[in-house]
Every structure is written in C-alpha cells, then in structure tokens.
Amino acid sequence: MARGSSPPPLRAGTHTLDFRARTLVMGVLNVTPDSFAGDSISDDVGAVVDRARGFVDAGADLIDIGGESTRPNSQAVDADEELARVVPALRAVCSAVDLPVSIDTRKSEVARRAIAEGAVIVNDVWGLRGDPAMVEVVAEHAHVGVVAMHNQRGTEYGDLMADICGTLRESVRIAETGGVAADRLVIDPGFGFAKTPAQNLELMRRLGELRGLGRPVLLGVSRKHTIGAILGGAAPSDRVEGTLALLALGVAAGVSIVRVHDVAQAARAVRVADAVVRGTPAEVAALPPPGPTG
C-alpha cells in the first residue's frame, strides 16, 4: 500500500516536524465554553496543564489551543475575549510541556499575541484568506509555521477536490507573496467546514489528490458531525471509533498530521496504520514466527 514520498520537514520554533518516519498527532485543547466535542476546559489553567501533560504521556507530537468555537452556528467572540481565554492557557502549556504549541485562531491580533506567549504554529481556519493581516504576522516571525485550512461560504462546488485544491493553492500564493515561504505551510482540506456529510465522505475518498500540492496535510476529523450521522446520531463522545477509522484512511492517503481530541487512541491507531502503509517496523520484522498449531 503506497502513499508516495513524504513532504520535507517543517520548522516550528526550536522543533523540527519530521514527517518521514510516522504520522504526527496534534492534541486539541479547547478553552471555549461551547466546543462541539464536549471537551471544553475554560477558566481552569490547572486542568489545561493536566490535559496537556496527559497528551504528552499519550503520544502527542503537537498541541493546538483554541479560544473560539468553530462549530456551526457558534457564537463569534471578539479578540479581547479570545485572548482572555487563550493567553493563560498558552503561558501555562508552553511552560509545562516541551512540544510545539499551535494557536487555533482566525484573527491576526490573537495570533500575534499568541506567538509572543510561545505559540510556534498558527492554525487558521480561513487559510490566510480571512484576516488580511494574518500573513504579515506570520511573515514577521520566521520560526512560526502555519496551517492553512480550506473554508468557504456555503457548500456549492463544481468539482469538490479541484475547488478545494484551488483554494489551498491560493493560500500558498498569499503566503509566498506575503513573505511566508511554502516550506512553512501545512494544508488542511477542512473536513466538516462548508461541506455536507456526503461531501466530507467524498473528500476522504479523494484525499490522495492533495499530494499534488507538495505540502504536509493535516486531517481534522475528530468527533465530527459526519461520523455521528453515519453512526445513527451518535453523540460526540461516542464517535471515537469512527474517528479512528477515518484516521487510518487518512494515513493510507498520505496525511502527515492528525488533529484529535482522543490522543491515546489516535496515537495507537496511526501507529498501526503507519506500520502497514509506511513499512513494517524493525522490531516487528525481527519477531520470530509463531509456534505450531494443533
């Protein structure tokens, strides 16, 4: 089962994200009161640190902190409110763990402050196409990477993947024109954003087409509505197995990072998928054959 060559490493602060050996796991820390996934930790820095340390122990490679819910029909918050939520969490997590920390925001003002507090990746759900100052903020900090996600208004497409790839190419163009080299970018096809459940499934079937963009791909399917719909209306907490199924398909299609709420389960799932897709681990290949049966 071939997945093609891996994208080049990406620098994030003092860390280097190497996508050649295995799929990386990004743990989600929501400091919003209204996360769709039911995993919010708000106003409790101690709980945030405990969860971050738990992510480290469970095998996370990165941590993504967000202070504004992006679920459908969620209430937008202004930059001051978002900063009040994320700054204490960023300070605490960056001091407590030695992992690259990402800020999940669409606002350049929040991104700038988050970088000052230790964030080394900006995860922008509008792919540098929303806030025109976002690319400037990232360009000013050569050690900072960026995740550019596909998003749009509405769910109308000509050819789904052609349109997604076209939008992501525009994000790459904006980055390069604004002084952010392409080798600092990760792309995200935006599963669950401006897509119907049927379109999300088509996206999964055609994920491999993103390899043509030559950038690391982040896949964020964790606990999302489409999984619940397939499973007869399962609540977010009951979507873990469905999430793992999609993650394995993503690994086979060549994704480099998976963004998840359930880090321990996801880390084990992608480890097994990597063993199939990327090659048998040496320690497994060295195992003796089983004994006789009967």
C-alpha atoms as a PDB file:
ATOM      1  CA  MET A   1       0.000   0.000   0.000  1.00  0.00           C
ATOM      2  CA  ALA A   2       1.969   3.004  -1.285  1.00  0.00           C
ATOM      3  CA  ARG A   3       1.404   6.555  -0.110  1.00  0.00           C
ATOM      4  CA  GLY A   4       4.097   8.364  -2.077  1.00  0.00           C
ATOM      5  CA  SER A   5       7.068  10.294  -0.755  1.00  0.00           C
ATOM      6  CA  SER A   6       6.808  12.271   2.478  1.00  0.00           C
ATOM      7  CA  PRO A   7       6.898  16.085   2.429  1.00  0.00           C
ATOM      8  CA  PRO A   8      10.015  17.829   3.745  1.00  0.00           C
ATOM      9  CA  PRO A   9      10.389  18.614   7.471  1.00  0.00           C
ATOM     10  CA  LEU A  10       8.862  21.807   8.856  1.00  0.00           C
ATOM     11  CA  ARG A  11      10.460  24.017  11.500  1.00  0.00           C
ATOM     12  CA  ALA A  12       8.275  25.159  14.383  1.00  0.00           C
ATOM     13  CA  GLY A  13      10.203  27.205  16.908  1.00  0.00           C
ATOM     14  CA  THR A  14      13.052  25.066  18.222  1.00  0.00           C
ATOM     15  CA  HIS A  15      11.314  21.926  17.000  1.00  0.00           C
ATOM     16  CA  THR A  16      11.526  20.210  13.636  1.00  0.00           C
ATOM     17  CA  LEU A  17       8.463  18.310  12.473  1.00  0.00           C
ATOM     18  CA  ASP A  18       9.770  15.323  10.528  1.00  0.00           C
ATOM     19  CA  PHE A  19       7.047  13.630   8.504  1.00  0.00           C
ATOM     20  CA  ARG A  20       9.224  10.874   7.045  1.00  0.00           C
ATOM     21  CA  ALA A  21       9.094   8.282   9.821  1.00  0.00           C
ATOM     22  CA  ARG A  22       5.494   8.433  11.023  1.00  0.00           C
ATOM     23  CA  THR A  23       2.247  10.351  11.150  1.00  0.00           C
ATOM     24  CA  LEU A  24       2.262  13.081  13.808  1.00  0.00           C
ATOM     25  CA  VAL A  25      -0.535  13.564  16.344  1.00  0.00           C
ATOM     26  CA  MET A  26      -1.853  17.008  17.315  1.00  0.00           C
ATOM     27  CA  GLY A  27      -3.877  17.102  20.528  1.00  0.00           C
ATOM     28  CA  VAL A  28      -6.747  19.598  20.774  1.00  0.00           C
ATOM     29  CA  LEU A  29      -7.104  21.815  23.846  1.00  0.00           C
ATOM     30  CA  ASN A  30     -10.321  23.825  23.722  1.00  0.00           C
ATOM     31  CA  VAL A  31     -10.573  26.686  26.209  1.00  0.00           C
ATOM     32  CA  THR A  32     -14.009  27.656  24.950  1.00  0.00           C
ATOM     33  CA  PRO A  33     -17.240  27.119  26.879  1.00  0.00           C
ATOM     34  CA  ASP A  34     -19.035  25.749  23.791  1.00  0.00           C
ATOM     35  CA  SER A  35     -16.851  23.204  21.982  1.00  0.00           C
ATOM     36  CA  PHE A  36     -18.915  20.850  19.805  1.00  0.00           C
ATOM     37  CA  ALA A  37     -16.809  17.930  21.017  1.00  0.00           C
ATOM     38  CA  GLY A  38     -17.823  18.377  24.646  1.00  0.00           C
ATOM     39  CA  ASP A  39     -14.200  18.641  25.779  1.00  0.00           C
ATOM     40  CA  SER A  40     -14.031  22.291  26.798  1.00  0.00           C
ATOM     41  CA  ILE A  41     -11.783  23.398  29.636  1.00  0.00           C
ATOM     42  CA  SER A  42     -12.477  27.022  30.438  1.00  0.00           C
ATOM     43  CA  ASP A  43     -11.256  29.153  33.355  1.00  0.00           C
ATOM     44  CA  ASP A  44      -9.161  26.306  34.796  1.00  0.00           C
ATOM     45  CA  VAL A  45      -5.482  26.609  33.932  1.00  0.00           C
ATOM     46  CA  GLY A  46      -4.620  23.664  36.146  1.00  0.00           C
ATOM     47  CA  ALA A  47      -6.949  21.416  34.154  1.00  0.00           C
ATOM     48  CA  VAL A  48      -5.426  22.716  30.923  1.00  0.00           C
ATOM     49  CA  VAL A  49      -1.916  21.808  32.087  1.00  0.00           C
ATOM     50  CA  ASP A  50      -3.063  18.402  33.309  1.00  0.00           C
ATOM     51  CA  ARG A  51      -4.624  17.644  29.948  1.00  0.00           C
ATOM     52  CA  ALA A  52      -1.553  18.879  28.075  1.00  0.00           C
ATOM     53  CA  ARG A  53       0.701  16.643  30.164  1.00  0.00           C
ATOM     54  CA  GLY A  54      -1.707  13.797  29.559  1.00  0.00           C
ATOM     55  CA  PHE A  55      -1.393  14.414  25.830  1.00  0.00           C
ATOM     56  CA  VAL A  56       2.393  14.186  26.110  1.00  0.00           C
ATOM     57  CA  ASP A  57       2.164  10.898  28.002  1.00  0.00           C
ATOM     58  CA  ALA A  58      -0.320   9.571  25.423  1.00  0.00           C
ATOM     59  CA  GLY A  59       1.976  10.265  22.487  1.00  0.00           C
ATOM     60  CA  ALA A  60       1.075  13.713  21.163  1.00  0.00           C
ATOM     61  CA  ASP A  61       3.604  15.498  18.967  1.00  0.00           C
ATOM     62  CA  LEU A  62       1.916  18.927  18.969  1.00  0.00           C
ATOM     63  CA  ILE A  63      -0.777  20.730  20.968  1.00  0.00           C
ATOM     64  CA  ASP A  64      -3.386  23.037  19.420  1.00  0.00           C
ATOM     65  CA  ILE A  65      -5.050  25.607  21.700  1.00  0.00           C
ATOM     66  CA  GLY A  66      -8.241  27.354  20.627  1.00  0.00           C
ATOM     67  CA  GLY A  67     -10.387  30.010  22.270  1.00  0.00           C
ATOM     68  CA  GLU A  68     -13.231  30.410  19.766  1.00  0.00           C
ATOM     69  CA  SER A  69     -15.557  27.600  18.777  1.00  0.00           C
ATOM     70  CA  THR A  70     -15.794  26.924  15.034  1.00  0.00           C
ATOM     71  CA  ARG A  71     -18.806  24.614  15.231  1.00  0.00           C
ATOM     72  CA  PRO A  72     -21.809  25.557  13.044  1.00  0.00           C
ATOM     73  CA  ASN A  73     -23.936  28.371  14.490  1.00  0.00           C
ATOM     74  CA  SER A  74     -21.437  29.046  17.271  1.00  0.00           C
ATOM     75  CA  GLN A  75     -21.257  32.499  18.814  1.00  0.00           C
ATOM     76  CA  ALA A  76     -18.357  34.587  17.500  1.00  0.00           C
ATOM     77  CA  VAL A  77     -16.165  36.264  20.112  1.00  0.00           C
ATOM     78  CA  ASP A  78     -14.058  39.384  19.778  1.00  0.00           C
ATOM     79  CA  ALA A  79     -10.276  39.381  20.019  1.00  0.00           C
ATOM     80  CA  ASP A  80     -10.237  40.600  23.627  1.00  0.00           C
ATOM     81  CA  GLU A  81     -12.435  37.736  24.801  1.00  0.00           C
ATOM     82  CA  GLU A  82     -10.473  35.197  22.787  1.00  0.00           C
ATOM     83  CA  LEU A  83      -7.188  36.469  24.213  1.00  0.00           C
ATOM     84  CA  ALA A  84      -8.581  36.333  27.743  1.00  0.00           C
ATOM     85  CA  ARG A  85      -9.247  32.648  27.159  1.00  0.00           C
ATOM     86  CA  VAL A  86      -6.081  31.565  25.363  1.00  0.00           C
ATOM     87  CA  VAL A  87      -3.261  33.629  26.895  1.00  0.00           C
ATOM     88  CA  PRO A  88      -3.321  31.971  30.355  1.00  0.00           C
ATOM     89  CA  ALA A  89      -3.544  28.557  28.693  1.00  0.00           C
ATOM     90  CA  LEU A  90      -0.680  29.296  26.310  1.00  0.00           C
ATOM     91  CA  ARG A  91       1.582  30.563  29.076  1.00  0.00           C
ATOM     92  CA  ALA A  92       0.904  27.543  31.230  1.00  0.00           C
ATOM     93  CA  VAL A  93       1.193  24.919  28.498  1.00  0.00           C
ATOM     94  CA  CYS A  94       4.328  26.396  26.914  1.00  0.00           C
ATOM     95  CA  SER A  95       5.974  26.355  30.347  1.00  0.00           C
ATOM     96  CA  ALA A  96       4.791  22.868  31.256  1.00  0.00           C
ATOM     97  CA  VAL A  97       5.494  20.778  28.154  1.00  0.00           C
ATOM     98  CA  ASP A  98       8.233  20.577  25.547  1.00  0.00           C
ATOM     99  CA  LEU A  99       6.072  20.254  22.445  1.00  0.00           C
ATOM    100  CA  PRO A 100       5.305  22.703  19.639  1.00  0.00           C
ATOM    101  CA  VAL A 101       2.156  24.636  20.551  1.00  0.00           C
ATOM    102  CA  SER A 102      -0.262  25.889  17.919  1.00  0.00           C
ATOM    103  CA  ILE A 103      -2.838  28.662  18.245  1.00  0.00           C
ATOM    104  CA  ASP A 104      -6.137  27.942  16.537  1.00  0.00           C
ATOM    105  CA  THR A 105      -7.386  31.388  15.508  1.00  0.00           C
ATOM    106  CA  ARG A 106      -8.624  33.350  12.522  1.00  0.00           C
ATOM    107  CA  LYS A 107      -7.617  36.723  13.990  1.00  0.00           C
ATOM    108  CA  SER A 108      -4.204  38.293  13.372  1.00  0.00           C
ATOM    109  CA  GLU A 109      -4.353  40.172  16.672  1.00  0.00           C
ATOM    110  CA  VAL A 110      -4.775  36.914  18.572  1.00  0.00           C
ATOM    111  CA  ALA A 111      -2.068  35.210  16.513  1.00  0.00           C
ATOM    112  CA  ARG A 112       0.434  37.993  17.234  1.00  0.00           C
ATOM    113  CA  ARG A 113      -0.102  37.815  20.988  1.00  0.00           C
ATOM    114  CA  ALA A 114      -0.115  34.015  20.960  1.00  0.00           C
ATOM    115  CA  ILE A 115       3.265  33.965  19.221  1.00  0.00           C
ATOM    116  CA  ALA A 116       4.603  36.328  21.879  1.00  0.00           C
ATOM    117  CA  GLU A 117       3.387  33.856  24.506  1.00  0.00           C
ATOM    118  CA  GLY A 118       5.134  30.897  22.878  1.00  0.00           C
ATOM    119  CA  ALA A 119       2.960  29.569  20.051  1.00  0.00           C
ATOM    120  CA  VAL A 120       5.064  28.398  17.094  1.00  0.00           C
ATOM    121  CA  ILE A 121       2.266  27.480  14.676  1.00  0.00           C
ATOM    122  CA  VAL A 122      -0.785  29.479  13.601  1.00  0.00           C
ATOM    123  CA  ASN A 123      -3.739  27.269  12.681  1.00  0.00           C
ATOM    124  CA  ASP A 124      -6.014  29.482  10.563  1.00  0.00           C
ATOM    125  CA  VAL A 125      -9.412  28.052   9.580  1.00  0.00           C
ATOM    126  CA  TRP A 126      -9.583  30.626   6.772  1.00  0.00           C
ATOM    127  CA  GLY A 127      -6.197  29.732   5.318  1.00  0.00           C
ATOM    128  CA  LEU A 128      -4.749  33.294   5.374  1.00  0.00           C
ATOM    129  CA  ARG A 129      -7.743  34.447   3.293  1.00  0.00           C
ATOM    130  CA  GLY A 130      -9.873  35.845   6.110  1.00  0.00           C
ATOM    131  CA  ASP A 131      -7.918  38.432   8.082  1.00  0.00           C
ATOM    132  CA  PRO A 132      -5.647  40.206   5.560  1.00  0.00           C
ATOM    133  CA  ALA A 133      -3.104  40.977   8.295  1.00  0.00           C
ATOM    134  CA  MET A 134      -2.603  37.315   9.227  1.00  0.00           C
ATOM    135  CA  VAL A 135       0.085  36.640   6.633  1.00  0.00           C
ATOM    136  CA  GLU A 136       2.003  39.720   7.800  1.00  0.00           C
ATOM    137  CA  VAL A 137       2.001  38.460  11.391  1.00  0.00           C
ATOM    138  CA  VAL A 138       3.313  35.056  10.347  1.00  0.00           C
ATOM    139  CA  ALA A 139       5.895  36.578   7.983  1.00  0.00           C
ATOM    140  CA  GLU A 140       7.330  38.667  10.825  1.00  0.00           C
ATOM    141  CA  HIS A 141       8.246  35.506  12.750  1.00  0.00           C
ATOM    142  CA  ALA A 142      10.498  33.230  10.713  1.00  0.00           C
ATOM    143  CA  HIS A 143      10.286  30.448  13.307  1.00  0.00           C
ATOM    144  CA  VAL A 144       6.496  30.160  13.038  1.00  0.00           C
ATOM    145  CA  GLY A 145       4.673  27.690  10.805  1.00  0.00           C
ATOM    146  CA  VAL A 146       1.104  27.983   9.590  1.00  0.00           C
ATOM    147  CA  VAL A 147      -1.747  25.570   8.926  1.00  0.00           C
ATOM    148  CA  ALA A 148      -3.872  26.889   6.059  1.00  0.00           C
ATOM    149  CA  MET A 149      -7.309  25.285   6.020  1.00  0.00           C
ATOM    150  CA  HIS A 150      -9.843  25.175   3.212  1.00  0.00           C
ATOM    151  CA  ASN A 151     -13.040  27.047   4.025  1.00  0.00           C
ATOM    152  CA  GLN A 152     -15.662  28.978   2.105  1.00  0.00           C
ATOM    153  CA  ARG A 153     -19.155  30.439   2.381  1.00  0.00           C
ATOM    154  CA  GLY A 154     -21.708  27.776   1.519  1.00  0.00           C
ATOM    155  CA  THR A 155     -21.412  24.247   0.176  1.00  0.00           C
ATOM    156  CA  GLU A 156     -21.580  24.842  -3.583  1.00  0.00           C
ATOM    157  CA  TYR A 157     -18.760  23.254  -5.584  1.00  0.00           C
ATOM    158  CA  GLY A 158     -18.035  22.485  -9.199  1.00  0.00           C
ATOM    159  CA  ASP A 159     -15.627  19.622  -8.654  1.00  0.00           C
ATOM    160  CA  LEU A 160     -15.124  19.221  -4.914  1.00  0.00           C
ATOM    161  CA  MET A 161     -11.432  18.368  -4.798  1.00  0.00           C
ATOM    162  CA  ALA A 162     -10.478  20.612  -7.692  1.00  0.00           C
ATOM    163  CA  ASP A 163     -12.120  23.520  -5.869  1.00  0.00           C
ATOM    164  CA  ILE A 164     -10.510  22.625  -2.534  1.00  0.00           C
ATOM    165  CA  CYS A 165      -7.076  22.324  -4.145  1.00  0.00           C
ATOM    166  CA  GLY A 166      -7.591  25.614  -5.960  1.00  0.00           C
ATOM    167  CA  THR A 167      -8.423  27.415  -2.725  1.00  0.00           C
ATOM    168  CA  LEU A 168      -5.435  25.895  -0.960  1.00  0.00           C
ATOM    169  CA  ARG A 169      -3.179  26.956  -3.835  1.00  0.00           C
ATOM    170  CA  GLU A 170      -4.491  30.473  -3.285  1.00  0.00           C
ATOM    171  CA  SER A 171      -3.495  30.205   0.388  1.00  0.00           C
ATOM    172  CA  VAL A 172       0.001  29.133  -0.678  1.00  0.00           C
ATOM    173  CA  ARG A 173       0.159  32.057  -3.114  1.00  0.00           C
ATOM    174  CA  ILE A 174      -0.908  34.528  -0.415  1.00  0.00           C
ATOM    175  CA  ALA A 175       1.731  33.120   1.916  1.00  0.00           C
ATOM    176  CA  GLU A 176       4.557  33.315  -0.598  1.00  0.00           C
ATOM    177  CA  THR A 177       3.561  36.786  -1.808  1.00  0.00           C
ATOM    178  CA  GLY A 178       3.407  37.943   1.808  1.00  0.00           C
ATOM    179  CA  GLY A 179       6.853  36.644   2.682  1.00  0.00           C
ATOM    180  CA  VAL A 180       5.988  33.239   4.141  1.00  0.00           C
ATOM    181  CA  ALA A 181       7.874  30.504   2.305  1.00  0.00           C
ATOM    182  CA  ALA A 182       5.860  27.496   1.200  1.00  0.00           C
ATOM    183  CA  ASP A 183       8.051  25.248   3.338  1.00  0.00           C
ATOM    184  CA  ARG A 184       6.471  26.824   6.426  1.00  0.00           C
ATOM    185  CA  LEU A 185       2.966  25.755   5.380  1.00  0.00           C
ATOM    186  CA  VAL A 186       0.782  22.793   6.234  1.00  0.00           C
ATOM    187  CA  ILE A 187      -2.507  22.442   4.362  1.00  0.00           C
ATOM    188  CA  ASP A 188      -5.830  21.192   5.730  1.00  0.00           C
ATOM    189  CA  PRO A 189      -8.755  20.257   3.432  1.00  0.00           C
ATOM    190  CA  GLY A 190     -11.276  21.370   6.050  1.00  0.00           C
ATOM    191  CA  PHE A 191     -13.310  18.228   6.756  1.00  0.00           C
ATOM    192  CA  GLY A 192     -16.572  19.442   8.291  1.00  0.00           C
ATOM    193  CA  PHE A 193     -16.203  23.047   7.156  1.00  0.00           C
ATOM    194  CA  ALA A 194     -18.534  24.273   4.386  1.00  0.00           C
ATOM    195  CA  LYS A 195     -19.198  20.684   3.356  1.00  0.00           C
ATOM    196  CA  THR A 196     -22.193  18.395   3.626  1.00  0.00           C
ATOM    197  CA  PRO A 197     -21.730  14.924   5.124  1.00  0.00           C
ATOM    198  CA  ALA A 198     -21.726  13.459   1.607  1.00  0.00           C
ATOM    199  CA  GLN A 199     -19.058  15.959   0.552  1.00  0.00           C
ATOM    200  CA  ASN A 200     -16.964  15.085   3.605  1.00  0.00           C
ATOM    201  CA  LEU A 201     -17.034  11.435   2.574  1.00  0.00           C
ATOM    202  CA  GLU A 202     -16.055  12.330  -0.982  1.00  0.00           C
ATOM    203  CA  LEU A 203     -13.201  14.361   0.471  1.00  0.00           C
ATOM    204  CA  MET A 204     -11.996  11.291   2.348  1.00  0.00           C
ATOM    205  CA  ARG A 205     -12.167   9.150  -0.796  1.00  0.00           C
ATOM    206  CA  ARG A 206     -10.098  11.692  -2.720  1.00  0.00           C
ATOM    207  CA  LEU A 207      -7.641  12.801  -0.028  1.00  0.00           C
ATOM    208  CA  GLY A 208      -4.713  11.498  -2.037  1.00  0.00           C
ATOM    209  CA  GLU A 209      -5.256  14.257  -4.604  1.00  0.00           C
ATOM    210  CA  LEU A 210      -3.838  16.751  -2.101  1.00  0.00           C
ATOM    211  CA  ARG A 211      -0.391  15.228  -2.542  1.00  0.00           C
ATOM    212  CA  GLY A 212      -0.115  17.191  -5.768  1.00  0.00           C
ATOM    213  CA  LEU A 213       0.223  20.390  -3.722  1.00  0.00           C
ATOM    214  CA  GLY A 214       3.509  19.165  -2.259  1.00  0.00           C
ATOM    215  CA  ARG A 215       2.788  20.268   1.297  1.00  0.00           C
ATOM    216  CA  PRO A 216       2.195  18.317   4.525  1.00  0.00           C
ATOM    217  CA  VAL A 217      -1.514  17.620   5.005  1.00  0.00           C
ATOM    218  CA  LEU A 218      -3.296  17.935   8.343  1.00  0.00           C
ATOM    219  CA  LEU A 219      -6.521  15.968   8.761  1.00  0.00           C
ATOM    220  CA  GLY A 220      -9.068  17.068  11.359  1.00  0.00           C
ATOM    221  CA  VAL A 221     -11.979  14.627  11.548  1.00  0.00           C
ATOM    222  CA  SER A 222     -12.098  14.092  15.295  1.00  0.00           C
ATOM    223  CA  ARG A 223     -15.619  13.509  16.706  1.00  0.00           C
ATOM    224  CA  LYS A 224     -17.210  15.444  13.848  1.00  0.00           C
ATOM    225  CA  HIS A 225     -20.884  15.509  12.876  1.00  0.00           C
ATOM    226  CA  THR A 226     -20.479  13.375   9.762  1.00  0.00           C
ATOM    227  CA  ILE A 227     -19.244  10.492  11.916  1.00  0.00           C
ATOM    228  CA  GLY A 228     -22.256  10.876  14.180  1.00  0.00           C
ATOM    229  CA  ALA A 229     -24.582  10.892  11.169  1.00  0.00           C
ATOM    230  CA  ILE A 230     -23.089   7.643   9.856  1.00  0.00           C
ATOM    231  CA  LEU A 231     -23.489   6.075  13.301  1.00  0.00           C
ATOM    232  CA  GLY A 232     -27.172   6.941  13.620  1.00  0.00           C
ATOM    233  CA  GLY A 233     -26.841  10.190  15.531  1.00  0.00           C
ATOM    234  CA  ALA A 234     -24.054   9.186  17.913  1.00  0.00           C
ATOM    235  CA  ALA A 235     -23.031  11.874  20.408  1.00  0.00           C
ATOM    236  CA  PRO A 236     -19.524  13.364  20.107  1.00  0.00           C
ATOM    237  CA  SER A 237     -18.218  11.180  22.932  1.00  0.00           C
ATOM    238  CA  ASP A 238     -19.409   8.085  21.033  1.00  0.00           C
ATOM    239  CA  ARG A 239     -17.604   8.960  17.800  1.00  0.00           C
ATOM    240  CA  VAL A 240     -14.124   7.798  18.780  1.00  0.00           C
ATOM    241  CA  GLU A 241     -14.149   4.525  16.818  1.00  0.00           C
ATOM    242  CA  GLY A 242     -15.473   6.313  13.749  1.00  0.00           C
ATOM    243  CA  THR A 243     -12.741   8.897  14.126  1.00  0.00           C
ATOM    244  CA  LEU A 244     -10.085   6.189  14.231  1.00  0.00           C
ATOM    245  CA  ALA A 245     -11.448   4.595  11.060  1.00  0.00           C
ATOM    246  CA  LEU A 246     -11.117   7.884   9.187  1.00  0.00           C
ATOM    247  CA  LEU A 247      -7.644   8.480  10.605  1.00  0.00           C
ATOM    248  CA  ALA A 248      -6.451   5.130   9.262  1.00  0.00           C
ATOM    249  CA  LEU A 249      -7.834   6.014   5.833  1.00  0.00           C
ATOM    250  CA  GLY A 250      -6.078   9.363   6.091  1.00  0.00           C
ATOM    251  CA  VAL A 251      -2.739   7.726   6.848  1.00  0.00           C
ATOM    252  CA  ALA A 252      -3.184   5.499   3.795  1.00  0.00           C
ATOM    253  CA  ALA A 253      -3.899   8.601   1.695  1.00  0.00           C
ATOM    254  CA  GLY A 254      -0.700  10.319   2.816  1.00  0.00           C
ATOM    255  CA  VAL A 255      -1.655  12.775   5.569  1.00  0.00           C
ATOM    256  CA  SER A 256       1.201  13.966   7.781  1.00  0.00           C
ATOM    257  CA  ILE A 257      -0.646  15.210  10.896  1.00  0.00           C
ATOM    258  CA  VAL A 258      -3.917  14.190  12.528  1.00  0.00           C
ATOM    259  CA  ARG A 259      -5.694  16.647  14.818  1.00  0.00           C
ATOM    260  CA  VAL A 260      -7.592  14.813  17.556  1.00  0.00           C
ATOM    261  CA  HIS A 261      -9.326  15.076  20.906  1.00  0.00           C
ATOM    262  CA  ASP A 262      -8.617  11.467  21.933  1.00  0.00           C
ATOM    263  CA  VAL A 263      -4.838  11.391  21.754  1.00  0.00           C
ATOM    264  CA  ALA A 264      -4.068   7.979  23.238  1.00  0.00           C
ATOM    265  CA  GLN A 265      -6.478   6.130  20.953  1.00  0.00           C
ATOM    266  CA  ALA A 266      -5.423   8.119  17.891  1.00  0.00           C
ATOM    267  CA  ALA A 267      -1.712   7.623  18.536  1.00  0.00           C
ATOM    268  CA  ARG A 268      -2.196   3.861  18.696  1.00  0.00           C
ATOM    269  CA  ALA A 269      -4.395   3.812  15.596  1.00  0.00           C
ATOM    270  CA  VAL A 270      -1.962   5.763  13.428  1.00  0.00           C
ATOM    271  CA  ARG A 271       0.950   3.699  14.730  1.00  0.00           C
ATOM    272  CA  VAL A 272      -0.716   0.554  13.406  1.00  0.00           C
ATOM    273  CA  ALA A 273      -1.732   2.264  10.155  1.00  0.00           C
ATOM    274  CA  ASP A 274       1.818   3.540   9.682  1.00  0.00           C
ATOM    275  CA  ALA A 275       3.163   0.005  10.114  1.00  0.00           C
ATOM    276  CA  VAL A 276       1.037  -1.110   7.171  1.00  0.00           C
ATOM    277  CA  VAL A 277       1.429   1.939   4.953  1.00  0.00           C
ATOM    278  CA  ARG A 278       4.967   3.155   5.637  1.00  0.00           C
ATOM    279  CA  GLY A 279       6.619  -0.228   6.230  1.00  0.00           C
ATOM    280  CA  THR A 280       6.945  -2.903   8.878  1.00  0.00           C
ATOM    281  CA  PRO A 281       8.786  -1.591  11.961  1.00  0.00           C
ATOM    282  CA  ALA A 282      12.147  -3.249  12.539  1.00  0.00           C
ATOM    283  CA  GLU A 283      11.130  -4.553  15.958  1.00  0.00           C
ATOM    284  CA  VAL A 284       8.095  -6.250  14.405  1.00  0.00           C
ATOM    285  CA  ALA A 285      10.055  -7.687  11.488  1.00  0.00           C
ATOM    286  CA  ALA A 286      12.527  -9.191  13.967  1.00  0.00           C
ATOM    287  CA  LEU A 287       9.879 -11.180  15.837  1.00  0.00           C
ATOM    288  CA  PRO A 288      10.124 -14.969  15.495  1.00  0.00           C
ATOM    289  CA  PRO A 289       7.389 -16.891  13.682  1.00  0.00           C
ATOM    290  CA  PRO A 290       4.554 -18.297  15.773  1.00  0.00           C
ATOM    291  CA  GLY A 291       4.816 -21.812  17.076  1.00  0.00           C
ATOM    292  CA  PRO A 292       2.982 -24.757  15.538  1.00  0.00           C
ATOM    293  CA  THR A 293      -0.751 -25.073  15.956  1.00  0.00           C
ATOM    294  CA  GLY A 294      -2.743 -28.108  16.891  1.00  0.00           C
END
